[in-house]
Amino acid sequence: MKCLTLIVNRSTQGDIIEALRASPEVSTYTISHGEGHYGDSVPPFESAHDEIKGYVPRIRIDLILEDETVSKVLERVKQCSVCTSKLGIYWTSTVDTIGNL
């Protein structure tokens, strides 16, 4: 199993969720709210509003997926109109154990 982690601007949350709901491979996911900090300068792809605030509002979405479904879900997310603007990042990591507490 893999954990697919997406970090995107909070303004894209609705569009990302729509893309995930359209993915039959996705049954559950977790969303965490955070801030992206960049030191003295904000990357040019972020808004002037974010630069004034000094941070970029972000969400982190974690999905646990079967290895063979990660690429399908990732492609569906990448097709999302706001996701094609390259305002986010993603990575995968191996899940060794999963269970209930």
C-alpha atoms as a PDB file:
ATOM      1  CA  MET A   1       0.000   0.000   0.000  1.00  0.00           C
ATOM      2  CA  LYS A   2       0.988   3.607  -0.538  1.00  0.00           C
ATOM      3  CA  CYS A   3       0.158   6.935   1.048  1.00  0.00           C
ATOM      4  CA  LEU A   4      -0.392   9.627  -1.559  1.00  0.00           C
ATOM      5  CA  THR A   5       0.089  13.087  -0.047  1.00  0.00           C
ATOM      6  CA  LEU A   6      -1.084  16.232  -1.837  1.00  0.00           C
ATOM      7  CA  ILE A   7      -0.176  19.757  -0.678  1.00  0.00           C
ATOM      8  CA  VAL A   8      -2.192  22.447  -2.465  1.00  0.00           C
ATOM      9  CA  ASN A   9      -3.440  25.988  -2.000  1.00  0.00           C
ATOM     10  CA  ARG A  10      -6.522  25.988   0.228  1.00  0.00           C
ATOM     11  CA  SER A  11      -8.498  27.781  -2.505  1.00  0.00           C
ATOM     12  CA  THR A  12      -8.404  24.587  -4.602  1.00  0.00           C
ATOM     13  CA  GLN A  13      -9.997  22.366  -1.940  1.00  0.00           C
ATOM     14  CA  GLY A  14     -13.418  22.097  -3.582  1.00  0.00           C
ATOM     15  CA  ASP A  15     -11.982  21.181  -6.973  1.00  0.00           C
ATOM     16  CA  ILE A  16      -9.585  18.606  -5.527  1.00  0.00           C
ATOM     17  CA  ILE A  17     -12.384  16.996  -3.498  1.00  0.00           C
ATOM     18  CA  GLU A  18     -14.530  16.792  -6.618  1.00  0.00           C
ATOM     19  CA  ALA A  19     -11.708  15.007  -8.460  1.00  0.00           C
ATOM     20  CA  LEU A  20     -11.226  12.575  -5.561  1.00  0.00           C
ATOM     21  CA  ARG A  21     -14.948  11.809  -5.354  1.00  0.00           C
ATOM     22  CA  ALA A  22     -14.884  10.987  -9.073  1.00  0.00           C
ATOM     23  CA  SER A  23     -12.178   8.384  -8.396  1.00  0.00           C
ATOM     24  CA  PRO A  24     -13.673   4.960  -7.660  1.00  0.00           C
ATOM     25  CA  GLU A  25     -10.313   3.928  -6.163  1.00  0.00           C
ATOM     26  CA  VAL A  26     -10.690   6.486  -3.350  1.00  0.00           C
ATOM     27  CA  SER A  27     -12.849   5.565  -0.382  1.00  0.00           C
ATOM     28  CA  THR A  28     -11.461   7.809   2.375  1.00  0.00           C
ATOM     29  CA  TYR A  29      -8.931  10.581   2.834  1.00  0.00           C
ATOM     30  CA  THR A  30      -7.812  13.039   5.487  1.00  0.00           C
ATOM     31  CA  ILE A  31      -7.514  16.811   5.045  1.00  0.00           C
ATOM     32  CA  SER A  32      -5.283  18.927   7.292  1.00  0.00           C
ATOM     33  CA  HIS A  33      -5.080  22.721   7.168  1.00  0.00           C
ATOM     34  CA  GLY A  34      -1.748  24.506   7.335  1.00  0.00           C
ATOM     35  CA  GLU A  35       0.391  27.344   6.096  1.00  0.00           C
ATOM     36  CA  GLY A  36       3.223  27.419   3.590  1.00  0.00           C
ATOM     37  CA  HIS A  37       6.120  29.660   4.656  1.00  0.00           C
ATOM     38  CA  TYR A  38       8.884  30.691   2.283  1.00  0.00           C
ATOM     39  CA  GLY A  39      11.225  32.967   4.208  1.00  0.00           C
ATOM     40  CA  ASP A  40      11.820  36.349   2.611  1.00  0.00           C
ATOM     41  CA  SER A  41      10.012  35.754  -0.654  1.00  0.00           C
ATOM     42  CA  VAL A  42       6.853  34.045  -1.794  1.00  0.00           C
ATOM     43  CA  PRO A  43       7.153  32.075  -5.059  1.00  0.00           C
ATOM     44  CA  PRO A  44       5.814  34.049  -8.026  1.00  0.00           C
ATOM     45  CA  PHE A  45       2.899  31.650  -8.588  1.00  0.00           C
ATOM     46  CA  GLU A  46       1.204  32.631  -5.304  1.00  0.00           C
ATOM     47  CA  SER A  47      -1.110  35.627  -4.959  1.00  0.00           C
ATOM     48  CA  ALA A  48      -0.255  39.146  -3.783  1.00  0.00           C
ATOM     49  CA  HIS A  49      -2.692  38.558  -0.909  1.00  0.00           C
ATOM     50  CA  ASP A  50      -0.581  35.593   0.232  1.00  0.00           C
ATOM     51  CA  GLU A  51       2.580  37.679  -0.013  1.00  0.00           C
ATOM     52  CA  ILE A  52       1.064  40.410   2.181  1.00  0.00           C
ATOM     53  CA  LYS A  53      -0.004  37.866   4.795  1.00  0.00           C
ATOM     54  CA  GLY A  54       3.455  36.329   4.754  1.00  0.00           C
ATOM     55  CA  TYR A  55       2.244  32.761   4.276  1.00  0.00           C
ATOM     56  CA  VAL A  56       0.208  30.685   1.863  1.00  0.00           C
ATOM     57  CA  PRO A  57      -2.899  28.877   3.141  1.00  0.00           C
ATOM     58  CA  ARG A  58      -2.471  25.185   2.332  1.00  0.00           C
ATOM     59  CA  ILE A  59      -4.288  21.923   2.722  1.00  0.00           C
ATOM     60  CA  ARG A  60      -2.657  18.535   2.981  1.00  0.00           C
ATOM     61  CA  ILE A  61      -4.624  15.548   1.748  1.00  0.00           C
ATOM     62  CA  ASP A  62      -3.461  12.051   2.668  1.00  0.00           C
ATOM     63  CA  LEU A  63      -4.896   9.017   0.879  1.00  0.00           C
ATOM     64  CA  ILE A  64      -4.081   5.368   1.549  1.00  0.00           C
ATOM     65  CA  LEU A  65      -4.249   3.495  -1.760  1.00  0.00           C
ATOM     66  CA  GLU A  66      -3.353   0.174  -3.287  1.00  0.00           C
ATOM     67  CA  ASP A  67      -0.032   0.451  -5.154  1.00  0.00           C
ATOM     68  CA  GLU A  68      -1.618  -0.060  -8.569  1.00  0.00           C
ATOM     69  CA  THR A  69      -4.233   2.691  -8.062  1.00  0.00           C
ATOM     70  CA  VAL A  70      -1.918   5.561  -7.122  1.00  0.00           C
ATOM     71  CA  SER A  71      -1.162   6.552 -10.725  1.00  0.00           C
ATOM     72  CA  LYS A  72      -4.873   6.476 -11.683  1.00  0.00           C
ATOM     73  CA  VAL A  73      -5.855   8.751  -8.797  1.00  0.00           C
ATOM     74  CA  LEU A  74      -2.920  11.063  -9.407  1.00  0.00           C
ATOM     75  CA  GLU A  75      -3.796  11.408 -13.102  1.00  0.00           C
ATOM     76  CA  ARG A  76      -7.410  12.242 -12.225  1.00  0.00           C
ATOM     77  CA  VAL A  77      -6.241  14.913  -9.770  1.00  0.00           C
ATOM     78  CA  LYS A  78      -3.793  16.339 -12.319  1.00  0.00           C
ATOM     79  CA  GLN A  79      -6.668  16.725 -14.822  1.00  0.00           C
ATOM     80  CA  CYS A  80      -8.534  18.976 -12.388  1.00  0.00           C
ATOM     81  CA  SER A  81      -8.489  22.496 -13.897  1.00  0.00           C
ATOM     82  CA  VAL A  82      -7.044  24.234 -10.846  1.00  0.00           C
ATOM     83  CA  CYS A  83      -4.548  21.424 -10.359  1.00  0.00           C
ATOM     84  CA  THR A  84      -2.985  21.872 -13.772  1.00  0.00           C
ATOM     85  CA  SER A  85      -1.710  25.310 -12.728  1.00  0.00           C
ATOM     86  CA  LYS A  86       1.154  23.631 -10.821  1.00  0.00           C
ATOM     87  CA  LEU A  87       0.237  25.286  -7.504  1.00  0.00           C
ATOM     88  CA  GLY A  88       0.812  22.159  -5.478  1.00  0.00           C
ATOM     89  CA  ILE A  89       3.112  19.251  -4.828  1.00  0.00           C
ATOM     90  CA  TYR A  90       2.654  15.566  -4.123  1.00  0.00           C
ATOM     91  CA  TRP A  91       4.630  12.553  -2.969  1.00  0.00           C
ATOM     92  CA  THR A  92       4.068   8.928  -2.178  1.00  0.00           C
ATOM     93  CA  SER A  93       5.388   6.856   0.672  1.00  0.00           C
ATOM     94  CA  THR A  94       5.177   3.179   1.494  1.00  0.00           C
ATOM     95  CA  VAL A  95       2.688   2.100   4.155  1.00  0.00           C
ATOM     96  CA  ASP A  96       4.086  -0.853   6.072  1.00  0.00           C
ATOM     97  CA  THR A  97       1.222  -1.322   8.496  1.00  0.00           C
ATOM     98  CA  ILE A  98      -2.345  -0.043   8.755  1.00  0.00           C
ATOM     99  CA  GLY A  99      -4.909  -0.767  11.436  1.00  0.00           C
ATOM    100  CA  ASN A 100      -7.528   0.603  13.800  1.00  0.00           C
ATOM    101  CA  LEU A 101      -6.972   2.076  17.264  1.00  0.00           C
END
